[in-house]
Protein backbone atom coordinates (compact mmCIF):
# COMPACT_ATOMS: atom_id res chain seq x y z
CA UNK A 1 98.27 96.79 95.69
CA UNK A 2 95.15 96.29 93.53
CA UNK A 3 92.31 98.76 94.23
CA UNK A 4 89.73 100.82 93.01
CA UNK A 5 91.34 104.46 92.67
CA UNK A 6 89.45 107.35 94.05
CA UNK A 7 90.30 110.51 96.39
CA UNK A 8 89.65 110.28 100.02
CA UNK A 9 90.47 114.08 100.40
CA UNK A 10 92.25 117.03 98.64
CA UNK A 11 95.72 116.09 99.76
CA UNK A 12 95.99 112.41 98.93
CA UNK A 13 95.02 109.72 96.27
CA UNK A 14 94.91 106.40 97.21
CA UNK A 15 93.60 103.15 95.72
CA UNK A 16 91.00 101.91 98.32
CA UNK A 17 87.65 100.13 98.14
CA UNK A 18 85.10 102.68 98.88
CA UNK A 19 81.79 101.33 100.35
CA UNK A 20 78.70 103.45 101.14
CA UNK A 21 75.58 102.70 102.56
CA UNK A 22 75.90 101.51 105.99
CA UNK A 23 74.19 98.37 107.03
CA UNK A 24 75.07 97.43 110.43
CA UNK A 25 76.95 99.59 112.73
CA UNK A 26 76.20 98.88 116.33
CA UNK A 27 77.14 95.59 117.46
CA UNK A 28 74.25 93.65 118.95
CA UNK A 29 74.07 90.03 120.79
CA UNK A 30 74.85 87.36 118.35
CA UNK A 31 72.14 84.69 117.74
CA UNK A 32 73.11 81.10 118.99
CA UNK A 33 76.04 79.74 117.48
CA UNK A 34 75.92 78.10 114.22
CA UNK A 35 78.02 75.17 115.55
CA UNK A 36 78.72 73.97 119.01
CA UNK A 37 81.44 75.78 120.90
CA UNK A 38 83.94 74.11 122.66
CA UNK A 39 86.51 75.21 125.28
CA UNK A 40 89.92 74.86 124.28
CA UNK A 41 93.48 75.24 125.83
CA UNK A 42 96.76 75.99 124.26
CA UNK A 43 100.20 77.68 125.73
CA UNK A 44 102.63 80.07 124.67
CA UNK A 45 105.57 78.67 126.68
CA UNK A 46 104.59 78.70 130.45
CA UNK A 47 101.82 81.01 129.77
CA UNK A 48 98.65 78.90 129.49
CA UNK A 49 95.88 80.46 127.62
CA UNK A 50 92.22 79.55 126.86
CA UNK A 51 89.93 79.84 124.18
CA UNK A 52 86.70 78.85 122.38
CA UNK A 53 86.73 76.92 119.01
CA UNK A 54 84.07 77.32 116.79
CA UNK A 55 83.57 75.08 113.50
CA UNK A 56 81.26 75.18 110.70
CA UNK A 57 79.15 72.10 110.29
CA UNK A 58 80.74 69.33 108.05
CA UNK A 59 83.86 67.50 107.65
CA UNK A 60 86.01 70.26 106.28
CA UNK A 61 88.75 71.01 105.73
CA UNK A 62 88.15 74.78 106.70
CA UNK A 63 90.11 77.89 106.50
CA UNK A 64 90.80 79.24 109.98
CA UNK A 65 91.10 82.45 111.65
CA UNK A 66 92.44 83.39 114.99
CA UNK A 67 90.81 86.44 116.59
CA UNK A 68 93.32 89.13 118.24
CA UNK A 69 91.72 91.36 120.84
CA UNK A 70 92.29 95.16 121.14
CA UNK A 71 93.38 97.26 124.05
CA UNK A 72 92.88 96.62 128.01
CA UNK A 73 91.15 93.27 129.21
CA UNK A 74 89.34 91.34 126.89
CA UNK A 75 87.76 87.84 126.72
CA UNK A 76 85.51 85.86 124.54
CA UNK A 77 82.67 87.86 126.31
CA UNK A 78 83.59 90.82 124.15
CA UNK A 79 80.46 91.53 121.99
CA UNK A 80 82.74 93.01 119.12
CA UNK A 81 85.13 89.83 118.78
CA UNK A 82 82.14 87.33 119.69
CA UNK A 83 79.70 88.83 116.60
CA UNK A 84 83.03 88.35 114.16
CA UNK A 85 83.56 84.85 115.52
CA UNK A 86 80.18 83.76 115.18
CA UNK A 87 79.74 85.64 111.78
CA UNK A 88 82.54 83.97 110.17
CA UNK A 89 81.74 80.55 111.37
CA UNK A 90 78.25 80.98 109.71
CA UNK A 91 80.31 81.82 106.64
CA UNK A 92 82.35 78.74 106.52
CA UNK A 93 85.57 79.79 108.52
CA UNK A 94 86.79 77.86 111.53
CA UNK A 95 87.39 80.36 114.40
CA UNK A 96 89.68 80.04 117.42
CA UNK A 97 88.16 82.94 119.61
CA UNK A 98 90.84 83.27 122.62
CA UNK A 99 91.01 84.80 126.05
CA UNK A 100 93.61 87.84 126.07
CA UNK A 101 96.33 86.81 128.24
CA UNK A 102 95.39 87.99 131.68
CA UNK A 103 91.66 87.85 130.93
CA UNK A 104 89.14 85.29 131.25
CA UNK A 105 90.64 82.20 131.78
CA UNK A 106 93.84 82.80 130.15
CA UNK A 107 97.17 83.31 132.41
CA UNK A 108 99.65 85.78 132.19
CA UNK A 109 99.46 89.58 132.44
CA UNK A 110 98.93 91.82 129.44
CA UNK A 111 99.79 94.54 131.30
CA UNK A 112 103.54 93.69 131.34
CA UNK A 113 103.58 91.98 128.05
CA UNK A 114 104.83 93.59 124.92
CA UNK A 115 103.07 93.32 121.59
CA UNK A 116 105.65 90.84 120.46
CA UNK A 117 104.36 88.43 123.48
CA UNK A 118 100.73 89.31 122.52
CA UNK A 119 102.09 88.32 118.92
CA UNK A 120 103.44 85.07 120.10
CA UNK A 121 100.62 84.17 121.87
CA UNK A 122 98.63 84.54 118.58
CA UNK A 123 101.11 82.42 116.72
CA UNK A 124 100.52 79.83 119.39
CA UNK A 125 97.01 79.71 118.75
CA UNK A 126 97.72 79.67 115.00
CA UNK A 127 99.57 76.26 115.66
CA UNK A 128 97.02 74.84 117.73
CA UNK A 129 94.25 75.57 114.96
CA UNK A 130 96.48 74.02 112.36
CA UNK A 131 96.60 70.88 114.04
CA UNK A 132 93.05 70.15 114.00
CA UNK A 133 91.89 67.25 111.53
CA UNK A 134 88.89 69.57 110.28
CA UNK A 135 91.14 72.68 109.51
CA UNK A 136 93.20 73.30 106.67
CA UNK A 137 96.57 73.73 108.13
CA UNK A 138 98.02 75.52 105.11
CA UNK A 139 95.26 78.54 105.51
CA UNK A 140 95.08 79.69 108.90
CA UNK A 141 95.54 83.34 109.44
CA UNK A 142 94.69 86.21 112.17
CA UNK A 143 92.22 88.90 112.56
CA UNK A 144 93.11 91.98 114.77
CA UNK A 145 90.56 94.54 116.13
CA UNK A 146 91.70 97.93 117.19
CA UNK A 147 94.97 97.79 119.00
CA UNK A 148 94.98 94.16 118.09
CA UNK A 149 95.78 95.38 114.34
CA UNK A 150 99.20 96.41 115.84
CA UNK A 151 99.67 92.68 116.82
CA UNK A 152 98.68 91.00 113.51
CA UNK A 153 101.61 92.01 111.51
CA UNK A 154 103.99 90.96 114.00
CA UNK A 155 102.47 87.43 114.45
CA UNK A 156 102.38 87.20 110.64
CA UNK A 157 105.95 88.35 110.44
CA UNK A 158 107.27 85.99 113.29
CA UNK A 159 105.69 82.54 111.69
CA UNK A 160 105.66 81.35 108.16
CA UNK A 161 102.43 79.57 109.32
CA UNK A 162 100.28 82.49 109.14
CA UNK A 163 98.45 82.28 106.04
CA UNK A 164 96.92 85.80 106.19
CA UNK A 165 96.62 88.92 107.91
CA UNK A 166 93.39 90.83 108.60
CA UNK A 167 93.29 94.38 110.50
CA UNK A 168 90.02 95.73 111.57
CA UNK A 169 89.96 99.33 112.72
CA UNK A 170 93.52 99.24 113.66
CA UNK A 171 95.91 102.12 112.96
CA UNK A 172 99.53 101.42 110.90
CA UNK A 173 101.39 104.38 112.61
CA UNK A 174 103.59 104.13 115.54
CA UNK A 175 101.79 103.30 118.89
CA UNK A 176 102.86 106.62 120.73
CA UNK A 177 101.59 108.55 117.55
CA UNK A 178 98.17 106.41 117.70
CA UNK A 179 97.75 107.61 121.31
CA UNK A 180 98.44 111.23 120.55
CA UNK A 181 95.92 111.13 117.94
CA UNK A 182 93.19 109.37 119.82
CA UNK A 183 93.75 111.99 122.84
CA UNK A 184 93.66 115.03 120.49
CA UNK A 185 90.50 113.51 118.63
CA UNK A 186 88.63 113.28 122.10
CA UNK A 187 89.60 116.65 122.98
CA UNK A 188 88.34 117.95 119.36
CA UNK A 189 84.86 116.03 120.08
CA UNK A 190 84.66 117.69 123.36
CA UNK A 191 85.10 121.18 122.02
CA UNK A 192 88.49 122.31 123.54
CA UNK A 193 89.96 125.17 122.03
CA UNK A 194 93.11 125.42 120.08
CA UNK A 195 94.88 126.49 123.44
CA UNK A 196 93.20 123.81 125.50
CA UNK A 197 94.33 121.30 122.98
CA UNK A 198 97.97 122.38 123.12
CA UNK A 199 97.81 122.05 127.00
CA UNK A 200 96.35 118.35 126.80
CA UNK A 201 99.12 117.90 124.64
CA UNK A 202 101.60 119.20 126.74
CA UNK A 203 100.30 116.80 129.69
CA UNK A 204 100.79 113.89 127.23
CA UNK A 205 104.05 114.75 126.26
CA UNK A 206 104.99 114.56 130.11
CA UNK A 207 103.44 111.39 130.47
CA UNK A 208 105.15 109.88 127.56
CA UNK A 209 108.44 111.08 129.06
CA UNK A 210 107.52 109.68 132.74
CA UNK A 211 106.54 106.40 130.84
CA UNK A 212 109.71 106.12 129.02
CA UNK A 213 112.62 107.16 131.61
CA UNK A 214 110.81 106.79 134.99
CA UNK A 215 111.50 110.50 135.91
CA UNK A 216 109.64 113.66 135.66
CA UNK A 217 106.81 112.77 137.69
CA UNK A 218 106.43 116.33 138.99
CA UNK A 219 106.47 117.91 135.66
CA UNK A 220 103.91 115.45 134.68
CA UNK A 221 101.86 115.97 137.97
CA UNK A 222 101.93 119.72 137.79
CA UNK A 223 100.65 119.93 134.20
CA UNK A 224 98.12 117.32 134.64
CA UNK A 225 96.81 119.71 137.93
CA UNK A 226 96.88 122.48 135.82
CA UNK A 227 94.65 120.84 132.97
CA UNK A 228 92.08 119.62 135.79
CA UNK A 229 91.93 122.80 137.20
CA UNK A 230 90.28 124.85 134.70
CA UNK A 231 87.21 124.41 132.23
CA UNK A 232 88.52 120.62 131.41
CA UNK A 233 87.77 119.62 134.89
CA UNK A 234 85.65 116.51 135.04
CA UNK A 235 86.40 116.21 131.35
CA UNK A 236 87.37 112.34 130.03
CA UNK A 237 90.28 113.90 128.06
CA UNK A 238 92.08 115.04 130.95
CA UNK A 239 90.42 112.71 134.00
CA UNK A 240 91.45 109.53 131.89
CA UNK A 241 95.07 110.27 132.58
CA UNK A 242 96.91 108.15 135.34
CA UNK A 243 96.98 110.13 138.51
CA UNK A 244 99.77 108.18 140.65
CA UNK A 245 103.07 107.03 140.08
CA UNK A 246 102.11 103.32 140.63
CA UNK A 247 99.54 103.05 138.20
CA UNK A 248 99.81 99.96 136.42
CA UNK A 249 99.26 101.93 133.03
CA UNK A 250 102.89 103.41 133.07
CA UNK A 251 104.28 99.52 132.99
CA UNK A 252 102.29 98.93 129.88
CA UNK A 253 103.10 102.42 128.38
CA UNK A 254 106.89 101.51 129.05
CA UNK A 255 106.62 98.09 127.28
CA UNK A 256 104.75 98.90 124.12
CA UNK A 257 106.28 102.51 123.90
CA UNK A 258 108.27 103.01 120.31
CA UNK A 259 106.37 99.80 118.57
CA UNK A 260 105.75 100.68 115.04
CA UNK A 261 103.37 98.10 113.39
CA UNK A 262 104.90 99.22 109.84
CA UNK A 263 108.16 97.62 110.68
CA UNK A 264 106.32 94.09 110.61
CA UNK A 265 103.95 95.03 107.84
CA UNK A 266 106.65 95.40 105.38
CA UNK A 267 108.19 92.11 106.19
CA UNK A 268 104.79 90.33 104.97
CA UNK A 269 104.22 88.47 101.92
CA UNK A 270 101.16 87.20 103.36
CA UNK A 271 98.06 88.63 101.85
CA UNK A 272 96.87 91.54 103.71
CA UNK A 273 93.47 93.18 104.44
CA UNK A 274 92.78 96.35 105.94
CA UNK A 275 88.93 97.70 106.82
CA UNK A 276 88.33 100.76 108.22
CA UNK A 277 85.38 103.08 108.94
CA UNK A 278 85.42 106.52 107.80
CA UNK A 279 83.49 107.74 110.59
CA UNK A 280 85.94 106.36 113.18
CA UNK A 281 86.73 108.83 115.91
CA UNK A 282 89.69 107.06 117.31
CA UNK A 283 92.00 106.70 114.22
CA UNK A 284 92.92 109.39 111.80
CA UNK A 285 92.10 107.14 108.97
CA UNK A 286 93.25 109.15 105.91
CA UNK A 287 96.79 108.93 107.77
CA UNK A 288 96.67 105.29 108.07
CA UNK A 289 95.40 104.58 104.77
CA UNK A 290 98.09 107.10 103.16
CA UNK A 291 100.80 105.15 105.18
CA UNK A 292 99.55 101.83 103.98
CA UNK A 293 99.64 103.31 100.29
CA UNK A 294 102.79 105.16 100.41
CA UNK A 295 104.93 102.25 102.46
CA UNK A 296 103.23 99.07 102.24
CA UNK A 297 101.80 99.19 98.76
CA UNK A 298 104.87 99.09 96.81
CA UNK A 299 106.16 96.09 98.72
CA UNK A 300 103.18 93.81 98.78
CA UNK A 301 100.63 93.61 95.85
CA UNK A 302 98.46 91.34 97.93
CA UNK A 303 97.23 94.30 100.18
CA UNK A 304 93.59 95.28 100.02
CA UNK A 305 92.05 98.19 101.78
CA UNK A 306 88.37 98.62 102.27
CA UNK A 307 87.08 101.98 103.56
CA UNK A 308 83.34 102.12 104.63
CA UNK A 309 82.57 105.53 104.62
CA UNK A 310 79.64 105.72 107.01
CA UNK A 311 80.71 103.43 109.73
CA UNK A 312 82.77 103.87 112.74
CA UNK A 313 85.46 102.16 114.81
CA UNK A 314 82.98 99.42 115.92
CA UNK A 315 83.15 98.12 112.18
CA UNK A 316 80.58 95.12 111.87
CA UNK A 317 78.24 94.77 108.72
CA UNK A 318 77.24 91.77 106.66
CA UNK A 319 78.74 93.00 103.30
CA UNK A 320 82.02 93.13 105.17
CA UNK A 321 81.89 89.58 106.72
CA UNK A 322 80.92 88.22 103.20
CA UNK A 323 84.18 90.02 101.92
CA UNK A 324 86.34 88.88 104.42
CA UNK A 325 85.25 85.24 104.28
CA UNK A 326 85.42 85.23 100.54
CA UNK A 327 88.79 86.70 100.78
CA UNK A 328 90.08 84.27 103.03
CA UNK A 329 89.05 81.64 100.80
CA UNK A 330 90.47 83.09 97.61
CA UNK A 331 93.40 85.07 98.56
CA UNK A 332 94.38 83.68 102.04
CA UNK A 333 95.07 80.20 100.25
CA UNK A 334 97.50 81.89 98.05
């Protein structure tokens, strides 16, 4: 790993590229596309997928990027990924902006799909884009957003044709740990006491057990009822939990439970880029950066981490996009 080495806090010293002033944080509607947008179709096995192709002006060949959505239902209408798609094509990168499976015009169901299934969707998109006559087939990679950052390394590990991997605001800790972090951080923002946080963690532990084993519903329901009966009643941190045993969230949690993205990051030889906002309220940023340095750093010298101190989870700013586009051209091609 090659970095500017500076401390993040007292307990860790990691090489990161620290960027100070915030240029743009909120995602606003993008201006008209820099180039015509073409609706395209491709497939992963029997799952029909759809997306938009955005090409810069000119004959190319252009480097290419597949955008990988975060959690939940997400299509080309997503303002975060749409803003990135338009910004990248304006910087000379061809973009395939798909509808996530089970979203928009794409078939399948993300709720019953594993992260490896979603990674194979991304690989299918890479293969489609590599075949385009105006795209440089040797330099097509993947960019994942939030939970899509878990899928990025799996896609790159499963195909040698993925030239680079970019993770925007995605943790590198196991998904179960990331969910716990996110719930606890939500409770901290809500001003919960230490005992209330313990109570929320007990609900989450019971939920994880039920999702994993399919048994223990009564224990979970009782813990959730207790948490919702006191001061936390009406708070998102407890109201967001599934209330019935047939909620589709359980199936999704069963499928993705136990997934550790670092298992796949450590397999990569491709250049890897991580971008984080220091004010992210959904990730324990120091934890992910520390894990990148400790686990991934010694294995892949082509790893870059950028920390934008004053940005949050919705990381969108011109200097970051300038860097990504240049990095793809300079490092993604090697």
